[in-house]
Amino acid sequence: MKYLYLLIAIIAEIFATTYLKKSEGFSLWKPTLICLIGYGVAFYFLSLTLRTMPVGIAYAIWSGVGIIFISLIGMFYFKQTPDLPAIIGLTLIVIGVVVINVFSKMGSH
């Protein structure tokens, strides 16, 4: 269940962050409301994940996957093109998440 909870937390965080951008500094009430609800759901399910998964591992996966998807949404939906340093940084984040999940014994505690 911990990975299902984490997946829900990630999806909610992606929606919330997308609507954070659309809220235009919390000046539009509908995107603001969706953003706040999304973050509430994200943190609730992240908290459930933390019952059985170390906080460092859960947060690395949650933030790493979220960063990648938000970057893709930024590229395709908001027309924000990352430059080479951004692409390198995102690649390093993905590598870091993979290394933690494949090689770290911390994730099994």
Protein backbone atom coordinates (compact mmCIF):
# COMPACT_ATOMS: atom_id res chain seq x y z
CA MET A 1 0.00 0.00 0.00
CA LYS A 2 2.88 2.37 0.64
CA TYR A 3 3.62 2.71 -3.07
CA LEU A 4 -0.06 3.25 -3.89
CA TYR A 5 -0.23 6.00 -1.26
CA LEU A 6 2.96 7.51 -2.62
CA LEU A 7 1.59 7.41 -6.17
CA ILE A 8 -1.57 9.21 -5.07
CA ALA A 9 0.57 11.79 -3.24
CA ILE A 10 2.68 12.36 -6.35
CA ILE A 11 -0.32 12.73 -8.66
CA ALA A 12 -2.02 15.15 -6.25
CA GLU A 13 1.18 17.19 -5.92
CA ILE A 14 1.53 17.40 -9.71
CA PHE A 15 -2.06 18.66 -10.05
CA ALA A 16 -1.57 21.09 -7.16
CA THR A 17 1.63 22.54 -8.59
CA THR A 18 0.09 22.87 -12.05
CA TYR A 19 -2.82 24.79 -10.56
CA LEU A 20 -0.43 26.85 -8.44
CA LYS A 21 0.93 28.21 -11.71
CA LYS A 22 -2.60 28.69 -13.08
CA SER A 23 -3.75 30.52 -9.92
CA GLU A 24 -1.62 33.54 -10.87
CA GLY A 25 -0.40 34.17 -7.35
CA PHE A 26 -3.65 33.00 -5.75
CA SER A 27 -5.54 35.75 -7.56
CA LEU A 28 -7.92 33.33 -9.33
CA TRP A 29 -10.15 31.46 -6.89
CA LYS A 30 -10.89 28.24 -8.83
CA PRO A 31 -7.24 27.32 -9.56
CA THR A 32 -6.33 28.41 -6.02
CA LEU A 33 -8.94 26.10 -4.52
CA ILE A 34 -7.81 23.17 -6.69
CA CYS A 35 -4.21 23.89 -5.71
CA LEU A 36 -4.94 23.92 -1.98
CA ILE A 37 -7.05 20.76 -2.13
CA GLY A 38 -4.36 19.05 -4.21
CA TYR A 39 -1.63 19.88 -1.72
CA GLY A 40 -3.86 18.72 1.15
CA VAL A 41 -4.41 15.37 -0.57
CA ALA A 42 -0.72 15.12 -1.46
CA PHE A 43 0.49 15.69 2.08
CA TYR A 44 -2.16 13.40 3.56
CA PHE A 45 -1.13 10.48 1.36
CA LEU A 46 2.55 11.27 1.81
CA SER A 47 1.96 11.07 5.58
CA LEU A 48 0.37 7.63 5.13
CA THR A 49 3.39 6.56 3.10
CA LEU A 50 5.70 7.64 5.93
CA ARG A 51 4.14 5.10 8.28
CA THR A 52 6.04 2.33 6.49
CA MET A 53 8.73 4.04 4.40
CA PRO A 54 11.71 6.11 5.56
CA VAL A 55 11.10 9.83 5.10
CA GLY A 56 14.25 10.36 3.02
CA ILE A 57 13.33 7.65 0.54
CA ALA A 58 9.68 8.69 0.27
CA TYR A 59 10.58 12.34 -0.17
CA ALA A 60 13.25 11.57 -2.77
CA ILE A 61 10.77 9.61 -4.85
CA TRP A 62 7.92 12.09 -4.29
CA SER A 63 9.93 15.17 -5.17
CA GLY A 64 12.00 13.54 -7.94
CA VAL A 65 9.03 12.16 -9.83
CA GLY A 66 7.09 15.37 -9.22
CA ILE A 67 9.92 17.52 -10.60
CA ILE A 68 10.14 15.45 -13.76
CA PHE A 69 6.40 15.54 -14.45
CA ILE A 70 6.04 19.22 -13.59
CA SER A 71 8.94 19.97 -15.94
CA LEU A 72 7.17 18.03 -18.71
CA ILE A 73 3.91 19.87 -18.00
CA GLY A 74 5.84 23.14 -18.09
CA MET A 75 7.29 22.20 -21.46
CA PHE A 76 4.11 21.02 -23.16
CA TYR A 77 1.36 22.97 -21.41
CA PHE A 78 3.05 26.24 -20.43
CA LYS A 79 5.58 26.28 -23.33
CA GLN A 80 8.58 26.57 -20.97
CA THR A 81 11.65 25.13 -22.67
CA PRO A 82 14.42 23.90 -20.34
CA ASP A 83 17.99 24.75 -21.25
CA LEU A 84 20.90 22.30 -21.18
CA PRO A 85 21.81 22.83 -17.50
CA ALA A 86 18.16 22.19 -16.54
CA ILE A 87 18.09 18.99 -18.59
CA ILE A 88 21.35 17.82 -16.99
CA GLY A 89 19.99 18.61 -13.52
CA LEU A 90 16.74 16.76 -14.17
CA THR A 91 18.70 13.77 -15.46
CA LEU A 92 20.79 13.75 -12.28
CA ILE A 93 17.61 13.80 -10.18
CA VAL A 94 16.26 10.77 -12.05
CA ILE A 95 19.58 8.97 -11.63
CA GLY A 96 19.56 9.77 -7.91
CA VAL A 97 16.05 8.38 -7.41
CA VAL A 98 16.97 5.22 -9.31
CA VAL A 99 20.19 4.73 -7.30
CA ILE A 100 18.29 5.13 -4.02
CA ASN A 101 15.60 2.64 -5.02
CA VAL A 102 17.87 0.06 -6.59
CA PHE A 103 20.96 0.15 -4.39
CA SER A 104 20.04 1.61 -1.00
CA LYS A 105 19.19 -0.73 1.85
CA MET A 106 17.49 2.17 3.61
CA GLY A 107 14.38 1.68 1.50
CA SER A 108 13.82 -1.78 2.94
CA HIS A 109 13.65 -0.61 6.59
